PDB file of N, CA and C in Angstrom:
ATOM      1  N   MET A   1       0.982  -0.843   0.077  1.00  0.00           N
ATOM      2  CA  MET A   1      -0.080   0.177  -0.197  1.00  0.00           C
ATOM      3  C   MET A   1       1.030   1.426  -0.032  1.00  0.00           C
ATOM      4  N   GLN A   2       0.994   2.073  -0.894  1.00  0.00           N
ATOM      5  CA  GLN A   2       1.401   3.444  -1.039  1.00  0.00           C
ATOM      6  C   GLN A   2       0.363   4.296  -0.928  1.00  0.00           C
ATOM      7  N   PHE A   3       0.854   5.614  -0.127  1.00  0.00           N
ATOM      8  CA  PHE A   3       0.291   7.076  -0.452  1.00  0.00           C
ATOM      9  C   PHE A   3       1.315   7.793  -0.946  1.00  0.00           C
ATOM     10  N   ASP A   4       0.724   8.482  -1.971  1.00  0.00           N
ATOM     11  CA  ASP A   4       1.090   9.820  -2.621  1.00  0.00           C
ATOM     12  C   ASP A   4       2.865   8.913  -3.130  1.00  0.00           C
ATOM     13  N   GLY A   5       2.869   7.977  -3.481  1.00  0.00           N
ATOM     14  CA  GLY A   5       4.154   6.956  -3.662  1.00  0.00           C
ATOM     15  C   GLY A   5       5.137   6.515  -2.782  1.00  0.00           C
ATOM     16  N   LYS A   6       4.763   6.896  -1.270  1.00  0.00           N
ATOM     17  CA  LYS A   6       5.467   6.363  -0.374  1.00  0.00           C
ATOM     18  C   LYS A   6       4.846   5.358   0.149  1.00  0.00           C
ATOM     19  N   PRO A   7       5.280   4.262   0.858  1.00  0.00           N
ATOM     20  CA  PRO A   7       4.481   3.051   1.580  1.00  0.00           C
ATOM     21  C   PRO A   7       4.203   3.780   2.567  1.00  0.00           C
ATOM     22  N   LEU A   8       2.795   3.005   2.948  1.00  0.00           N
ATOM     23  CA  LEU A   8       2.665   3.183   4.126  1.00  0.00           C
ATOM     24  C   LEU A   8       2.790   2.178   5.631  1.00  0.00           C
ATOM     25  N   ALA A   9       3.820   1.593   6.261  1.00  0.00           N
ATOM     26  CA  ALA A   9       4.363   1.055   7.028  1.00  0.00           C
ATOM     27  C   ALA A   9       3.346   0.815   8.224  1.00  0.00           C
ATOM     28  N   ASN A  10       3.354   0.046   8.526  1.00  0.00           N
ATOM     29  CA  ASN A  10       2.373  -0.554   9.925  1.00  0.00           C
ATOM     30  C   ASN A  10       1.107   0.286   9.662  1.00  0.00           C
ATOM     31  N   GLN A  11       0.524   0.526   8.491  1.00  0.00           N
ATOM     32  CA  GLN A  11      -0.862   1.170   8.440  1.00  0.00           C
ATOM     33  C   GLN A  11      -1.858  -0.857   9.010  1.00  0.00           C
ATOM     34  N   LYS A  12      -2.897  -0.252   9.549  1.00  0.00           N
ATOM     35  CA  LYS A  12      -4.151  -1.316   9.946  1.00  0.00           C
ATOM     36  C   LYS A  12      -4.729  -1.575   8.743  1.00  0.00           C
ATOM     37  N   VAL A  13      -4.736  -3.061   8.314  1.00  0.00           N
ATOM     38  CA  VAL A  13      -5.361  -3.562   7.250  1.00  0.00           C
ATOM     39  C   VAL A  13      -6.807  -4.427   8.014  1.00  0.00           C
ATOM     40  N   GLY A  14      -8.095  -3.938   7.801  1.00  0.00           N
ATOM     41  CA  GLY A  14      -9.102  -4.866   8.355  1.00  0.00           C
ATOM     42  C   GLY A  14      -9.417  -6.105   7.051  1.00  0.00           C
ATOM     43  N   ILE A  15      -9.886  -7.028   7.992  1.00  0.00           N
ATOM     44  CA  ILE A  15     -10.541  -8.216   6.537  1.00  0.00           C
ATOM     45  C   ILE A  15     -12.134  -8.443   7.113  1.00  0.00           C
ATOM     46  N   TYR A  16     -12.506  -8.368   6.109  1.00  0.00           N
ATOM     47  CA  TYR A  16     -14.191  -8.252   6.063  1.00  0.00           C
ATOM     48  C   TYR A  16     -14.624  -9.608   5.257  1.00  0.00           C
ATOM     49  N   ARG A  17     -15.810 -10.072   6.115  1.00  0.00           N
ATOM     50  CA  ARG A  17     -16.278 -11.048   5.378  1.00  0.00           C
ATOM     51  C   ARG A  17     -17.399 -10.110   4.591  1.00  0.00           C
ATOM     52  N   SER A  18     -17.261 -10.119   2.897  1.00  0.00           N
ATOM     53  CA  SER A  18     -18.416  -9.306   2.067  1.00  0.00           C
ATOM     54  C   SER A  18     -20.204  -9.415   2.124  1.00  0.00           C
ATOM     55  N   PRO A  19     -20.410  -8.318   2.574  1.00  0.00           N
ATOM     56  CA  PRO A  19     -21.720  -8.251   2.478  1.00  0.00           C
ATOM     57  C   PRO A  19     -22.248  -9.282   0.894  1.00  0.00           C
ATOM     58  N   MET A  20     -21.290  -9.218   0.050  1.00  0.00           N
ATOM     59  CA  MET A  20     -22.250 -10.104  -1.483  1.00  0.00           C
ATOM     60  C   MET A  20     -22.397 -11.900  -1.054  1.00  0.00           C
ATOM     61  N   ASP A  21     -21.237 -11.903   0.018  1.00  0.00           N
ATOM     62  CA  ASP A  21     -21.168 -13.257   0.430  1.00  0.00           C
ATOM     63  C   ASP A  21     -22.467 -14.077   1.519  1.00  0.00           C
ATOM     64  N   LEU A  22     -23.301 -12.934   1.821  1.00  0.00           N
ATOM     65  CA  LEU A  22     -24.718 -13.221   2.312  1.00  0.00           C
ATOM     66  C   LEU A  22     -23.888 -13.255   3.750  1.00  0.00           C
ATOM     67  N   ALA A  23     -23.181 -12.970   4.463  1.00  0.00           N
ATOM     68  CA  ALA A  23     -22.687 -13.522   5.410  1.00  0.00           C
ATOM     69  C   ALA A  23     -22.509 -12.147   6.335  1.00  0.00           C
ATOM     70  N   SER A  24     -22.221 -12.332   7.837  1.00  0.00           N
ATOM     71  CA  SER A  24     -22.255 -11.015   8.660  1.00  0.00           C
ATOM     72  C   SER A  24     -20.673 -10.112   8.123  1.00  0.00           C
ATOM     73  N   GLN A  25     -20.758  -9.004   8.255  1.00  0.00           N
ATOM     74  CA  GLN A  25     -19.941  -8.088   7.832  1.00  0.00           C
ATOM     75  C   GLN A  25     -18.979  -7.396   9.167  1.00  0.00           C
ATOM     76  N   SER A  26     -18.918  -8.685   9.970  1.00  0.00           N
ATOM     77  CA  SER A  26     -17.883  -8.660  11.203  1.00  0.00           C
ATOM     78  C   SER A  26     -16.745  -8.762  10.955  1.00  0.00           C
ATOM     79  N   ILE A  27     -15.774  -7.933  11.074  1.00  0.00           N
ATOM     80  CA  ILE A  27     -14.326  -8.231  10.849  1.00  0.00           C
ATOM     81  C   ILE A  27     -13.701  -9.669  11.388  1.00  0.00           C
ATOM     82  N   LEU A  28     -12.792 -10.498  10.270  1.00  0.00           N
ATOM     83  CA  LEU A  28     -12.492 -11.713  10.767  1.00  0.00           C
ATOM     84  C   LEU A  28     -10.903 -11.262  11.043  1.00  0.00           C
ATOM     85  N   GLN A  29     -10.555 -10.229  10.573  1.00  0.00           N
ATOM     86  CA  GLN A  29      -8.745 -10.206  11.499  1.00  0.00           C
ATOM     87  C   GLN A  29      -8.594  -8.693  11.193  1.00  0.00           C
ATOM     88  N   ASN A  30      -7.388  -8.215  11.776  1.00  0.00           N
ATOM     89  CA  ASN A  30      -6.835  -7.282  11.692  1.00  0.00           C
ATOM     90  C   ASN A  30      -5.438  -7.600  10.996  1.00  0.00           C
ATOM     91  N   ILE A  31      -4.574  -7.123  10.557  1.00  0.00           N
ATOM     92  CA  ILE A  31      -3.290  -6.959  10.105  1.00  0.00           C
ATOM     93  C   ILE A  31      -2.320  -5.667   9.694  1.00  0.00           C
ATOM     94  N   SER A  32      -1.644  -5.765   9.563  1.00  0.00           N
ATOM     95  CA  SER A  32      -0.622  -4.578   9.518  1.00  0.00           C
ATOM     96  C   SER A  32       0.400  -4.590   8.231  1.00  0.00           C
ATOM     97  N   THR A  33       0.387  -3.491   7.227  1.00  0.00           N
ATOM     98  CA  THR A  33       1.552  -3.513   6.341  1.00  0.00           C
ATOM     99  C   THR A  33       2.877  -3.324   7.096  1.00  0.00           C
ATOM    100  N   ASP A  34       3.888  -3.971   6.456  1.00  0.00           N
ATOM    101  CA  ASP A  34       5.445  -3.767   6.523  1.00  0.00           C
ATOM    102  C   ASP A  34       5.643  -2.793   6.348  1.00  0.00           C
ATOM    103  N   ALA A  35       7.362  -2.564   6.696  1.00  0.00           N
ATOM    104  CA  ALA A  35       7.604  -1.428   6.282  1.00  0.00           C
ATOM    105  C   ALA A  35       7.896  -0.638   5.293  1.00  0.00           C
ATOM    106  N   GLU A  36       7.807  -1.366   4.260  1.00  0.00           N
ATOM    107  CA  GLU A  36       7.519  -1.435   2.663  1.00  0.00           C
ATOM    108  C   GLU A  36       6.070  -1.232   2.027  1.00  0.00           C
ATOM    109  N   GLY A  37       5.193  -1.174   2.896  1.00  0.00           N
ATOM    110  CA  GLY A  37       3.931  -0.934   2.408  1.00  0.00           C
ATOM    111  C   GLY A  37       3.136  -2.320   2.151  1.00  0.00           C
ATOM    112  N   LYS A  38       3.839  -3.565   2.080  1.00  0.00           N
ATOM    113  CA  LYS A  38       3.104  -4.941   2.004  1.00  0.00           C
ATOM    114  C   LYS A  38       2.141  -5.430   3.072  1.00  0.00           C
ATOM    115  N   ALA A  39       1.322  -6.354   2.638  1.00  0.00           N
ATOM    116  CA  ALA A  39       0.641  -7.035   3.950  1.00  0.00           C
ATOM    117  C   ALA A  39       0.594  -8.154   3.412  1.00  0.00           C
ATOM    118  N   VAL A  40       0.234  -9.430   4.009  1.00  0.00           N
ATOM    119  CA  VAL A  40       0.577 -10.685   3.754  1.00  0.00           C
ATOM    120  C   VAL A  40      -1.026 -11.057   4.253  1.00  0.00           C
ATOM    121  N   LEU A  41      -2.174 -11.202   3.467  1.00  0.00           N
ATOM    122  CA  LEU A  41      -3.576 -11.548   4.097  1.00  0.00           C
ATOM    123  C   LEU A  41      -3.331 -13.293   3.903  1.00  0.00           C
ATOM    124  N   PRO A  42      -3.202 -13.375   5.130  1.00  0.00           N
ATOM    125  CA  PRO A  42      -4.073 -15.442   5.204  1.00  0.00           C
ATOM    126  C   PRO A  42      -5.281 -15.597   4.882  1.00  0.00           C
ATOM    127  N   LEU A  43      -5.557 -16.140   3.542  1.00  0.00           N
ATOM    128  CA  LEU A  43      -6.811 -16.640   3.158  1.00  0.00           C
ATOM    129  C   LEU A  43      -7.076 -18.177   3.535  1.00  0.00           C
ATOM    130  N   THR A  44      -7.943 -17.790   4.685  1.00  0.00           N
ATOM    131  CA  THR A  44      -7.747 -19.376   5.806  1.00  0.00           C
ATOM    132  C   THR A  44      -9.478 -19.765   5.014  1.00  0.00           C
ATOM    133  N   LYS A  45     -10.397 -18.908   4.898  1.00  0.00           N
ATOM    134  CA  LYS A  45     -11.777 -19.040   5.000  1.00  0.00           C
ATOM    135  C   LYS A  45     -12.275 -18.960   3.201  1.00  0.00           C
ATOM    136  N   ALA A  46     -12.955 -19.869   3.072  1.00  0.00           N
ATOM    137  CA  ALA A  46     -13.729 -19.597   1.819  1.00  0.00           C
ATOM    138  C   ALA A  46     -14.537 -18.536   1.642  1.00  0.00           C
ATOM    139  N   GLY A  47     -14.842 -17.764   0.690  1.00  0.00           N
ATOM    140  CA  GLY A  47     -16.003 -17.139  -0.166  1.00  0.00           C
ATOM    141  C   GLY A  47     -15.499 -15.723  -0.595  1.00  0.00           C
ATOM    142  N   ILE A  48     -16.179 -14.524  -0.253  1.00  0.00           N
ATOM    143  CA  ILE A  48     -15.980 -13.064  -0.780  1.00  0.00           C
ATOM    144  C   ILE A  48     -15.343 -12.310   0.578  1.00  0.00           C
ATOM    145  N   HIS A  49     -14.369 -11.748   0.312  1.00  0.00           N
ATOM    146  CA  HIS A  49     -13.663 -10.859   1.238  1.00  0.00           C
ATOM    147  C   HIS A  49     -13.160  -9.634   1.015  1.00  0.00           C
ATOM    148  N   LEU A  50     -13.440  -8.973   1.866  1.00  0.00           N
ATOM    149  CA  LEU A  50     -13.131  -7.073   1.898  1.00  0.00           C
ATOM    150  C   LEU A  50     -11.973  -6.980   2.613  1.00  0.00           C
ATOM    151  N   ALA A  51     -10.815  -6.210   2.143  1.00  0.00           N
ATOM    152  CA  ALA A  51      -9.838  -5.742   2.593  1.00  0.00           C
ATOM    153  C   ALA A  51     -10.008  -3.836   2.580  1.00  0.00           C
ATOM    154  N   LEU A  52      -9.917  -3.428   3.936  1.00  0.00           N
ATOM    155  CA  LEU A  52      -9.711  -2.216   4.234  1.00  0.00           C
ATOM    156  C   LEU A  52      -8.982  -1.697   4.519  1.00  0.00           C
ATOM    157  N   ILE A  53      -8.651  -0.336   4.069  1.00  0.00           N
ATOM    158  CA  ILE A  53      -7.394   0.400   4.532  1.00  0.00           C
ATOM    159  C   ILE A  53      -7.873   1.760   5.001  1.00  0.00           C
ATOM    160  N   ARG A  54      -8.113   2.564   5.984  1.00  0.00           N
ATOM    161  CA  ARG A  54      -8.317   4.218   5.840  1.00  0.00           C
ATOM    162  C   ARG A  54      -7.072   4.801   6.920  1.00  0.00           C
ATOM    163  N   HIS A  55      -6.627   5.913   6.043  1.00  0.00           N
ATOM    164  CA  HIS A  55      -5.403   6.372   6.069  1.00  0.00           C
ATOM    165  C   HIS A  55      -5.953   8.002   6.750  1.00  0.00           C
ATOM    166  N   ARG A  56      -5.253   8.344   7.328  1.00  0.00           N
ATOM    167  CA  ARG A  56      -5.574  10.387   7.201  1.00  0.00           C
ATOM    168  C   ARG A  56      -4.337  10.910   7.321  1.00  0.00           C
ATOM    169  N   ALA A  57      -4.475  12.061   6.377  1.00  0.00           N
ATOM    170  CA  ALA A  57      -3.438  12.610   5.895  1.00  0.00           C
ATOM    171  C   ALA A  57      -3.482  14.024   6.077  1.00  0.00           C
ATOM    172  N   PRO A  58      -2.404  14.846   6.486  1.00  0.00           N
ATOM    173  CA  PRO A  58      -2.916  16.687   6.383  1.00  0.00           C
ATOM    174  C   PRO A  58      -3.673  16.998   5.152  1.00  0.00           C
ATOM    175  N   ALA A  59      -4.357  17.844   5.515  1.00  0.00           N
ATOM    176  CA  ALA A  59      -5.213  18.546   3.942  1.00  0.00           C
ATOM    177  C   ALA A  59      -4.369  19.601   3.043  1.00  0.00           C
ATOM    178  N   PRO A  60      -4.466  19.609   2.062  1.00  0.00           N
ATOM    179  CA  PRO A  60      -3.995  20.653   1.368  1.00  0.00           C
ATOM    180  C   PRO A  60      -3.997  22.138   1.693  1.00  0.00           C
ATOM    181  N   ALA A  61      -3.054  22.865   1.809  1.00  0.00           N
ATOM    182  CA  ALA A  61      -3.424  24.652   2.078  1.00  0.00           C
ATOM    183  C   ALA A  61      -4.204  24.960   1.995  1.00  0.00           C
ATOM    184  N   GLY A  62      -5.416  25.872   2.996  1.00  0.00           N
ATOM    185  CA  GLY A  62      -6.370  26.329   2.408  1.00  0.00           C
ATOM    186  C   GLY A  62      -7.727  25.997   2.416  1.00  0.00           C
ATOM    187  N   ALA A  63      -7.588  24.269   2.347  1.00  0.00           N
ATOM    188  CA  ALA A  63      -8.716  23.657   2.765  1.00  0.00           C
ATOM    189  C   ALA A  63      -9.332  23.771   4.171  1.00  0.00           C
ATOM    190  N   ALA A  64     -10.479  23.083   3.850  1.00  0.00           N
ATOM    191  CA  ALA A  64     -11.575  23.595   5.150  1.00  0.00           C
ATOM    192  C   ALA A  64     -11.460  22.408   6.332  1.00  0.00           C
ATOM    193  N   ALA A  65     -10.664  21.465   6.060  1.00  0.00           N
ATOM    194  CA  ALA A  65     -10.334  20.430   7.239  1.00  0.00           C
ATOM    195  C   ALA A  65      -9.188  20.138   7.193  1.00  0.00           C
ATOM    196  N   PRO A  66      -8.855  20.073   8.605  1.00  0.00           N
ATOM    197  CA  PRO A  66      -7.177  20.330   8.883  1.00  0.00           C
ATOM    198  C   PRO A  66      -6.690  18.775   8.401  1.00  0.00           C
ATOM    199  N   THR A  67      -7.226  17.209   8.426  1.00  0.00           N
ATOM    200  CA  THR A  67      -7.011  16.654   7.482  1.00  0.00           C
ATOM    201  C   THR A  67      -7.965  15.829   6.613  1.00  0.00           C
ATOM    202  N   TYR A  68      -7.518  15.348   5.967  1.00  0.00           N
ATOM    203  CA  TYR A  68      -8.493  14.181   5.193  1.00  0.00           C
ATOM    204  C   TYR A  68      -8.101  12.714   5.181  1.00  0.00           C
ATOM    205  N   GLY A  69      -9.455  11.625   4.984  1.00  0.00           N
ATOM    206  CA  GLY A  69      -9.631  10.271   5.056  1.00  0.00           C
ATOM    207  C   GLY A  69      -9.233  10.001   3.945  1.00  0.00           C
ATOM    208  N   HIS A  70      -8.662   8.964   3.986  1.00  0.00           N
ATOM    209  CA  HIS A  70      -8.516   8.064   2.482  1.00  0.00           C
ATOM    210  C   HIS A  70      -8.625   6.652   2.752  1.00  0.00           C
ATOM    211  N   ASN A  71      -9.823   6.038   1.996  1.00  0.00           N
ATOM    212  CA  ASN A  71      -9.760   4.790   1.834  1.00  0.00           C
ATOM    213  C   ASN A  71     -10.034   3.800   0.830  1.00  0.00           C
ATOM    214  N   THR A  72      -9.463   3.058   1.302  1.00  0.00           N
ATOM    215  CA  THR A  72      -8.993   1.914  -0.070  1.00  0.00           C
ATOM    216  C   THR A  72      -9.652   0.665   0.510  1.00  0.00           C
ATOM    217  N   THR A  73     -10.040   0.112  -0.593  1.00  0.00           N
ATOM    218  CA  THR A  73     -10.605  -1.159  -0.480  1.00  0.00           C
ATOM    219  C   THR A  73     -10.540  -2.270  -1.523  1.00  0.00           C
ATOM    220  N   LEU A  74     -10.310  -3.460  -1.293  1.00  0.00           N
ATOM    221  CA  LEU A  74     -10.080  -4.694  -2.359  1.00  0.00           C
ATOM    222  C   LEU A  74     -11.105  -5.687  -1.749  1.00  0.00           C
ATOM    223  N   THR A  75     -11.628  -6.187  -2.951  1.00  0.00           N
ATOM    224  CA  THR A  75     -12.582  -7.334  -2.905  1.00  0.00           C
ATOM    225  C   THR A  75     -12.000  -8.531  -3.440  1.00  0.00           C
ATOM    226  N   PHE A  76     -12.180  -9.519  -3.066  1.00  0.00           N
ATOM    227  CA  PHE A  76     -11.615 -11.220  -3.629  1.00  0.00           C
ATOM    228  C   PHE A  76     -12.468 -12.001  -2.815  1.00  0.00           C
ATOM    229  N   ARG A  77     -12.085 -13.387  -4.053  1.00  0.00           N
ATOM    230  CA  ARG A  77     -12.752 -14.184  -3.587  1.00  0.00           C
ATOM    231  C   ARG A  77     -11.716 -15.164  -3.006  1.00  0.00           C
ATOM    232  N   VAL A  78     -12.172 -16.234  -1.889  1.00  0.00           N
ATOM    233  CA  VAL A  78     -11.307 -17.133  -1.650  1.00  0.00           C
ATOM    234  C   VAL A  78     -11.959 -18.704  -1.852  1.00  0.00           C
ATOM    235  N   LEU A  79     -11.181 -19.525  -2.992  1.00  0.00           N
ATOM    236  CA  LEU A  79     -11.965 -20.362  -3.610  1.00  0.00           C
ATOM    237  C   LEU A  79     -11.547 -21.846  -2.313  1.00  0.00           C
ATOM    238  N   ASP A  80     -12.720 -22.746  -2.268  1.00  0.00           N
ATOM    239  CA  ASP A  80     -12.478 -23.578  -1.809  1.00  0.00           C
ATOM    240  C   ASP A  80     -11.438 -24.884  -2.380  1.00  0.00           C
ATOM    241  N   GLN A  81     -10.671 -25.312  -1.065  1.00  0.00           N
ATOM    242  CA  GLN A  81      -9.417 -25.755  -1.435  1.00  0.00           C
ATOM    243  C   GLN A  81      -9.626 -27.409  -1.863  1.00  0.00           C
TER     244      GLN A  81
END
């Protein structure tokens, strides 16, 4: 994961069951990125999942808010083995 071309180190990544999978959207687990912004997603349960990263950064000069929130999601399907 990168932000403005730089790795997001130690960034929390929430892994959820996707509502498209007709399962509850409760969080399955939290993982974190490493120093290079990389995360390993342990794919242990079949189904449709959602990875969510929320990052706050200073807003541009002159913005109405002091910080902006940036969200990134990845939806993926884990197949039965």
